[in-house]
């Protein structure tokens, strides 16, 4: 698979991918909404966000408040607390139902732990929209808005291969694998997407996972916490990369963990390998431009929030949103959730300035590193 660079941030990110599962068909058009109560303009829309563990979550509140206000709705945006996070989010969502919020957008801290709350919303006729992370183990989620997470993983896996090949023309390459938090429904999808690219190369000997840790349960990072990734990377270096064994690349699922991995390698006095990432965090753009971090993924938070608000607006008109049924990407253990899928963009130092052209903050960081 060749590296795929998608041109035109605003246009590309807003493209709805018209994929369907083998057993599903695309949904679309307009008509009556699926039994949900009306959402008149001026209504309050609940937005339940997880703890602020990465920059994209920090940006989400302002993005939703801006988009909801522009669409004529009131915003009830709440973050889960840093401690007792799941319990706090459960309480917040129940409160949104009790207050009568007319739709609830949920970026779950743990998508498997909100079944009771979304059932309450369903009983009250309140549409439930999973945002960025799917809600699992429940039939009571109406829609899902996210970037195509399997594609994110594919882009990360291919970037890892491309970066190592550019640095060393032929293998075998020694690599280690990291994944996100096991309580995040997206984490295994990212990992599976990456492994769809990497596993054939492991099988044919192009890649060698020196630690032998290749299963999601072995490589996941609880809470997406940087310290957990840094500690594991340090342990891997001590156990598997003493002496002359070189580490060529690390699959990192996001920028926060990528920087932690890089720090662990530097602290061990080792050369920095090819490291992937995701989220286009401001702290990682200078590292990409100077070659310390090889790649990231651009998933514009404003665009993703706007897509969810557009869905609410469609429902408020009594219409059915245009969605896709993508079982590979959006099956939640009970059903394939009708989804609005956005297109992620692979970023390296070669295309960063171009792809960040519509984001003044990121564009400035990329230009400063040229």
Protein backbone atom coordinates (compact mmCIF):
# COMPACT_ATOMS: atom_id res chain seq x y z
CA UNK A 1 0.00 0.00 0.00
CA UNK A 2 1.38 3.37 -1.00
CA UNK A 3 1.30 6.34 1.29
CA UNK A 4 -1.97 8.17 0.81
CA UNK A 5 -1.88 11.94 1.10
CA UNK A 6 -5.27 13.58 0.88
CA UNK A 7 -5.26 17.07 -0.53
CA UNK A 8 -7.43 19.89 0.71
CA UNK A 9 -8.03 19.91 4.42
CA UNK A 10 -11.49 21.39 4.59
CA UNK A 11 -12.86 19.52 1.59
CA UNK A 12 -11.21 16.22 2.40
CA UNK A 13 -12.07 16.26 6.06
CA UNK A 14 -15.71 16.91 5.31
CA UNK A 15 -15.93 14.07 2.79
CA UNK A 16 -18.28 11.36 3.96
CA UNK A 17 -16.81 8.01 3.03
CA UNK A 18 -19.38 6.02 1.10
CA UNK A 19 -18.40 2.60 2.32
CA UNK A 20 -20.77 -0.07 3.50
CA UNK A 21 -20.27 -3.34 5.25
CA UNK A 22 -20.72 -6.64 3.47
CA UNK A 23 -24.10 -7.09 5.11
CA UNK A 24 -25.13 -3.44 5.30
CA UNK A 25 -26.28 -0.80 2.89
CA UNK A 26 -25.71 2.92 3.00
CA UNK A 27 -28.42 5.01 4.60
CA UNK A 28 -29.24 8.40 3.31
CA UNK A 29 -31.77 10.89 2.09
CA UNK A 30 -34.36 12.69 4.10
CA UNK A 31 -37.54 11.72 5.84
CA UNK A 32 -38.85 11.30 9.35
CA UNK A 33 -36.31 10.81 12.09
CA UNK A 34 -36.25 7.50 13.95
CA UNK A 35 -38.76 8.15 16.72
CA UNK A 36 -36.77 10.90 18.43
CA UNK A 37 -38.47 13.95 19.86
CA UNK A 38 -38.34 17.19 17.91
CA UNK A 39 -35.30 19.42 18.39
CA UNK A 40 -36.48 23.02 18.00
CA UNK A 41 -33.97 25.79 17.50
CA UNK A 42 -32.89 27.27 20.79
CA UNK A 43 -32.88 23.85 22.44
CA UNK A 44 -30.05 22.78 24.71
CA UNK A 45 -27.75 20.10 23.31
CA UNK A 46 -25.71 18.10 25.79
CA UNK A 47 -22.08 17.31 25.03
CA UNK A 48 -20.35 14.88 27.39
CA UNK A 49 -16.57 14.86 26.96
CA UNK A 50 -13.96 12.65 28.65
CA UNK A 51 -11.12 13.84 30.86
CA UNK A 52 -8.62 16.22 29.27
CA UNK A 53 -5.93 13.62 28.54
CA UNK A 54 -4.89 15.05 25.16
CA UNK A 55 -5.05 18.32 23.29
CA UNK A 56 -7.94 17.33 21.03
CA UNK A 57 -10.21 17.00 24.06
CA UNK A 58 -9.16 20.42 25.32
CA UNK A 59 -10.07 21.94 21.94
CA UNK A 60 -13.41 20.15 21.70
CA UNK A 61 -15.35 22.33 24.17
CA UNK A 62 -14.80 25.57 22.27
CA UNK A 63 -15.43 23.82 18.95
CA UNK A 64 -18.83 22.58 20.09
CA UNK A 65 -19.84 25.83 21.73
CA UNK A 66 -19.03 27.75 18.55
CA UNK A 67 -20.78 25.33 16.19
CA UNK A 68 -23.87 24.91 18.35
CA UNK A 69 -24.29 28.66 18.81
CA UNK A 70 -23.95 29.24 15.07
CA UNK A 71 -26.63 26.60 14.43
CA UNK A 72 -29.04 28.24 16.87
CA UNK A 73 -28.69 25.83 19.79
CA UNK A 74 -27.57 26.22 23.39
CA UNK A 75 -24.55 24.18 24.50
CA UNK A 76 -24.30 22.12 27.68
CA UNK A 77 -20.68 20.94 27.44
CA UNK A 78 -19.21 19.00 30.37
CA UNK A 79 -15.85 17.31 30.93
CA UNK A 80 -15.51 14.20 33.04
CA UNK A 81 -13.34 14.68 36.12
CA UNK A 82 -9.73 13.49 36.11
CA UNK A 83 -10.54 11.04 38.92
CA UNK A 84 -13.59 8.76 39.11
CA UNK A 85 -13.91 9.68 35.45
CA UNK A 86 -16.41 7.06 34.31
CA UNK A 87 -18.70 7.58 37.30
CA UNK A 88 -18.59 11.32 36.77
CA UNK A 89 -19.51 11.02 33.11
CA UNK A 90 -22.36 8.64 33.92
CA UNK A 91 -23.73 11.21 36.35
CA UNK A 92 -23.35 14.03 33.82
CA UNK A 93 -25.25 12.17 31.10
CA UNK A 94 -28.05 11.21 33.49
CA UNK A 95 -28.25 14.88 34.45
CA UNK A 96 -28.56 15.90 30.80
CA UNK A 97 -31.48 13.49 30.42
CA UNK A 98 -33.15 14.81 33.57
CA UNK A 99 -32.71 18.43 32.49
CA UNK A 100 -34.31 17.66 29.14
CA UNK A 101 -31.41 18.30 26.77
CA UNK A 102 -32.85 17.61 23.32
CA UNK A 103 -29.89 15.62 22.00
CA UNK A 104 -26.80 14.25 23.70
CA UNK A 105 -23.41 13.99 22.03
CA UNK A 106 -21.08 11.65 23.90
CA UNK A 107 -17.31 11.28 23.64
CA UNK A 108 -17.05 8.40 26.06
CA UNK A 109 -14.39 7.93 28.68
CA UNK A 110 -15.28 4.23 28.56
CA UNK A 111 -17.81 3.43 25.86
CA UNK A 112 -18.76 0.13 27.48
CA UNK A 113 -19.92 1.72 30.74
CA UNK A 114 -22.71 4.03 29.58
CA UNK A 115 -25.45 1.54 28.71
CA UNK A 116 -27.77 2.58 31.52
CA UNK A 117 -27.45 6.26 30.70
CA UNK A 118 -28.08 5.93 26.96
CA UNK A 119 -31.05 3.67 27.71
CA UNK A 120 -32.45 6.49 29.85
CA UNK A 121 -31.95 8.89 26.96
CA UNK A 122 -33.63 6.53 24.52
CA UNK A 123 -36.63 6.13 26.84
CA UNK A 124 -36.94 9.93 26.97
CA UNK A 125 -36.84 10.20 23.17
CA UNK A 126 -33.46 11.94 23.20
CA UNK A 127 -31.17 11.13 20.25
CA UNK A 128 -27.77 9.82 21.31
CA UNK A 129 -24.77 10.59 19.10
CA UNK A 130 -21.45 8.91 19.82
CA UNK A 131 -18.66 11.31 18.94
CA UNK A 132 -15.06 10.36 18.14
CA UNK A 133 -15.40 7.17 20.23
CA UNK A 134 -18.14 4.63 19.69
CA UNK A 135 -20.48 3.47 22.46
CA UNK A 136 -20.23 -0.30 22.78
CA UNK A 137 -22.52 -3.09 23.93
CA UNK A 138 -25.73 -1.12 23.45
CA UNK A 139 -28.43 -0.77 20.82
CA UNK A 140 -29.41 2.64 22.22
CA UNK A 141 -26.91 4.74 20.30
CA UNK A 142 -28.47 6.36 17.25
CA UNK A 143 -25.49 7.76 15.35
CA UNK A 144 -21.72 7.90 15.39
CA UNK A 145 -19.60 10.79 14.13
CA UNK A 146 -15.88 10.20 13.79
CA UNK A 147 -12.92 10.05 11.51
CA UNK A 148 -12.45 6.66 9.85
CA UNK A 149 -10.47 5.00 12.61
CA UNK A 150 -9.43 1.90 10.68
CA UNK A 151 -8.00 4.21 8.00
CA UNK A 152 -6.11 6.10 10.73
CA UNK A 153 -4.42 2.84 11.69
CA UNK A 154 -3.66 1.97 8.07
CA UNK A 155 -2.01 5.35 7.55
CA UNK A 156 0.04 4.92 10.73
CA UNK A 157 1.21 1.45 9.75
CA UNK A 158 2.20 2.56 6.26
CA UNK A 159 3.95 5.65 7.63
CA UNK A 160 6.02 3.45 9.94
CA UNK A 161 7.14 1.33 6.98
CA UNK A 162 7.83 4.35 4.77
CA UNK A 163 9.80 6.16 7.46
CA UNK A 164 12.02 3.19 8.21
CA UNK A 165 12.65 2.51 4.52
CA UNK A 166 13.63 6.14 3.94
CA UNK A 167 16.13 5.88 6.79
CA UNK A 168 17.43 2.39 5.98
CA UNK A 169 16.73 1.09 2.50
CA UNK A 170 16.19 -2.55 3.41
CA UNK A 171 15.16 -4.64 6.40
CA UNK A 172 14.77 -6.50 8.51
CA UNK A 173 13.61 -3.72 10.81
CA UNK A 174 13.31 -4.02 14.58
CA UNK A 175 10.05 -2.50 15.80
CA UNK A 176 7.83 -2.23 18.86
CA UNK A 177 4.09 -1.70 18.96
CA UNK A 178 1.95 0.54 21.16
CA UNK A 179 -1.83 0.87 21.25
CA UNK A 180 -4.29 3.11 23.04
CA UNK A 181 -6.36 2.50 26.13
CA UNK A 182 -8.34 -0.76 26.31
CA UNK A 183 -11.39 1.14 27.59
CA UNK A 184 -11.48 3.26 24.42
CA UNK A 185 -13.45 1.61 21.60
CA UNK A 186 -11.26 3.35 19.04
CA UNK A 187 -7.99 1.91 20.32
CA UNK A 188 -8.37 -1.62 18.92
CA UNK A 189 -9.69 -0.21 15.64
CA UNK A 190 -6.58 1.97 15.25
CA UNK A 191 -4.42 -1.03 16.12
CA UNK A 192 -6.23 -3.40 13.77
CA UNK A 193 -5.90 -0.91 10.94
CA UNK A 194 -2.17 -0.62 11.53
CA UNK A 195 -1.72 -4.36 11.84
CA UNK A 196 -3.51 -4.91 8.53
CA UNK A 197 -0.44 -3.23 7.04
CA UNK A 198 2.24 -4.46 9.44
CA UNK A 199 1.29 -8.10 10.07
CA UNK A 200 2.17 -9.27 6.53
CA UNK A 201 5.59 -7.67 6.97
CA UNK A 202 6.01 -9.41 10.33
CA UNK A 203 5.04 -12.69 8.71
CA UNK A 204 7.53 -12.36 5.84
CA UNK A 205 10.39 -11.27 8.11
CA UNK A 206 10.63 -7.66 6.97
CA UNK A 207 9.68 -6.59 10.50
CA UNK A 208 10.83 -8.14 13.75
CA UNK A 209 9.04 -7.29 16.99
CA UNK A 210 12.00 -7.98 19.24
CA UNK A 211 9.96 -8.08 22.45
CA UNK A 212 7.50 -10.52 20.91
CA UNK A 213 4.61 -8.34 22.12
CA UNK A 214 2.19 -8.13 19.21
CA UNK A 215 -1.27 -8.58 20.72
CA UNK A 216 -3.47 -5.63 21.61
CA UNK A 217 -3.71 -6.80 25.21
CA UNK A 218 0.10 -6.74 25.44
CA UNK A 219 0.66 -3.34 23.85
CA UNK A 220 -2.30 -1.25 25.05
CA UNK A 221 -1.70 1.87 27.17
CA UNK A 222 -4.18 2.30 30.00
CA UNK A 223 -5.79 5.73 30.04
CA UNK A 224 -3.73 6.92 27.06
CA UNK A 225 -1.34 8.17 29.75
CA UNK A 226 2.09 9.34 28.64
CA UNK A 227 3.76 8.02 31.79
CA UNK A 228 2.46 4.52 31.11
CA UNK A 229 3.90 4.57 27.60
CA UNK A 230 7.21 6.02 28.75
CA UNK A 231 7.57 3.37 31.45
CA UNK A 232 6.78 0.54 29.06
CA UNK A 233 9.20 1.87 26.45
CA UNK A 234 11.96 2.13 29.05
CA UNK A 235 11.30 -1.45 30.14
CA UNK A 236 11.35 -2.68 26.54
CA UNK A 237 14.68 -0.98 25.91
CA UNK A 238 16.22 -2.57 28.98
CA UNK A 239 14.86 -6.02 28.22
CA UNK A 240 15.25 -6.24 24.45
CA UNK A 241 17.63 -3.55 23.21
CA UNK A 242 20.71 -3.82 25.36
CA UNK A 243 23.97 -4.11 23.53
CA UNK A 244 24.02 -3.67 19.77
CA UNK A 245 20.36 -4.43 19.00
CA UNK A 246 18.95 -1.32 17.32
CA UNK A 247 15.35 -0.13 17.47
CA UNK A 248 14.25 1.04 14.02
CA UNK A 249 10.64 2.02 14.56
CA UNK A 250 7.76 2.32 17.02
CA UNK A 251 4.07 2.30 16.19
CA UNK A 252 2.58 4.98 18.42
CA UNK A 253 -1.18 5.52 18.27
CA UNK A 254 -1.11 9.22 19.12
CA UNK A 255 1.19 12.19 19.62
CA UNK A 256 1.05 12.24 23.41
CA UNK A 257 2.33 8.66 23.59
CA UNK A 258 4.73 9.27 20.73
CA UNK A 259 6.48 12.05 22.64
CA UNK A 260 6.64 9.85 25.74
CA UNK A 261 8.22 7.05 23.69
CA UNK A 262 10.76 9.47 22.24
CA UNK A 263 11.62 10.73 25.73
CA UNK A 264 12.19 7.18 26.97
CA UNK A 265 14.53 6.46 24.08
CA UNK A 266 16.47 9.68 24.63
CA UNK A 267 16.74 9.01 28.36
CA UNK A 268 18.22 5.61 27.57
CA UNK A 269 20.84 7.24 25.35
CA UNK A 270 19.57 5.47 22.24
CA UNK A 271 19.07 6.89 18.73
CA UNK A 272 15.48 7.99 18.16
CA UNK A 273 13.64 5.53 15.89
CA UNK A 274 10.84 6.27 13.44
CA UNK A 275 7.81 7.13 15.59
CA UNK A 276 4.24 7.65 14.38
CA UNK A 277 1.46 9.63 16.02
CA UNK A 278 -2.03 11.09 15.73
CA UNK A 279 -3.97 14.29 16.53
CA UNK A 280 -1.54 16.92 15.20
CA UNK A 281 -0.81 18.22 18.68
CA UNK A 282 1.03 21.53 18.78
CA UNK A 283 3.86 20.01 20.84
CA UNK A 284 4.52 17.43 18.13
CA UNK A 285 4.56 19.65 15.03
CA UNK A 286 8.07 21.06 15.75
CA UNK A 287 9.27 17.48 16.35
CA UNK A 288 7.89 16.40 13.00
CA UNK A 289 9.46 19.33 11.22
CA UNK A 290 12.90 18.62 12.71
CA UNK A 291 12.61 14.88 12.06
CA UNK A 292 12.36 13.72 15.68
CA UNK A 293 8.81 12.37 15.22
CA UNK A 294 8.13 10.99 11.76
CA UNK A 295 4.39 11.47 11.32
CA UNK A 296 1.04 12.40 12.80
CA UNK A 297 -2.58 12.28 11.66
CA UNK A 298 -4.63 15.42 11.12
CA UNK A 299 -8.18 15.11 12.42
CA UNK A 300 -9.54 18.62 12.58
CA UNK A 301 -11.51 18.91 15.84
CA UNK A 302 -13.56 21.85 14.52
CA UNK A 303 -14.61 19.82 11.47
CA UNK A 304 -15.52 16.81 13.60
CA UNK A 305 -17.60 18.92 16.00
CA UNK A 306 -19.31 20.66 13.09
CA UNK A 307 -20.25 17.30 11.58
CA UNK A 308 -22.03 16.33 14.80
CA UNK A 309 -23.84 19.65 14.98
CA UNK A 310 -24.86 19.32 11.33
CA UNK A 311 -26.37 15.95 12.21
CA UNK A 312 -28.37 17.54 15.04
CA UNK A 313 -29.54 20.25 12.64
CA UNK A 314 -30.72 17.60 10.19
CA UNK A 315 -32.67 15.87 12.96
CA UNK A 316 -34.19 19.19 13.98
CA UNK A 317 -35.68 19.43 10.49
CA UNK A 318 -37.32 16.03 10.86
CA UNK A 319 -34.94 14.51 8.33
CA UNK A 320 -32.81 11.37 8.43
CA UNK A 321 -29.06 12.14 8.32
CA UNK A 322 -26.97 10.67 5.54
CA UNK A 323 -24.85 7.94 7.10
CA UNK A 324 -22.98 4.77 6.22
CA UNK A 325 -23.08 1.29 7.71
CA UNK A 326 -19.43 0.28 8.02
CA UNK A 327 -19.23 -2.91 10.06
CA UNK A 328 -15.44 -3.11 10.02
CA UNK A 329 -15.16 0.32 11.57
CA UNK A 330 -18.35 0.93 13.54
CA UNK A 331 -19.78 -2.35 14.89
CA UNK A 332 -20.26 -1.86 18.63
CA UNK A 333 -20.83 -5.46 19.65
CA UNK A 334 -24.60 -5.18 19.27
CA UNK A 335 -25.13 -3.29 16.04
CA UNK A 336 -23.32 -1.43 13.31
CA UNK A 337 -23.96 2.17 14.29
CA UNK A 338 -25.02 4.47 11.42
CA UNK A 339 -22.06 6.77 11.01
CA UNK A 340 -20.80 9.97 9.53
CA UNK A 341 -17.20 9.09 8.67
CA UNK A 342 -14.61 11.79 8.04
CA UNK A 343 -11.32 11.35 6.22
CA UNK A 344 -8.04 11.47 8.22
CA UNK A 345 -4.92 12.97 6.68
CA UNK A 346 -1.38 11.65 7.11
CA UNK A 347 1.09 14.40 7.97
CA UNK A 348 4.87 14.32 7.57
CA UNK A 349 7.29 17.22 7.30
CA UNK A 350 6.95 17.01 3.51
CA UNK A 351 3.26 17.97 3.42
CA UNK A 352 2.63 19.65 6.78
CA UNK A 353 2.57 23.26 5.56
CA UNK A 354 0.21 22.39 2.71
CA UNK A 355 -2.24 20.32 4.74
CA UNK A 356 -2.35 22.76 7.66
CA UNK A 357 -3.08 25.71 5.35
CA UNK A 358 -6.55 26.23 6.85
CA UNK A 359 -5.34 26.01 10.44
CA UNK A 360 -3.33 29.15 11.28
CA UNK A 361 -1.82 27.74 14.49
CA UNK A 362 -0.57 24.51 12.97
CA UNK A 363 0.47 26.16 9.71
CA UNK A 364 2.62 28.66 11.62
CA UNK A 365 4.32 25.86 13.56
CA UNK A 366 4.99 23.93 10.37
CA UNK A 367 6.39 26.97 8.57
CA UNK A 368 8.61 27.79 11.54
CA UNK A 369 10.19 24.37 11.21
CA UNK A 370 11.00 24.59 7.52
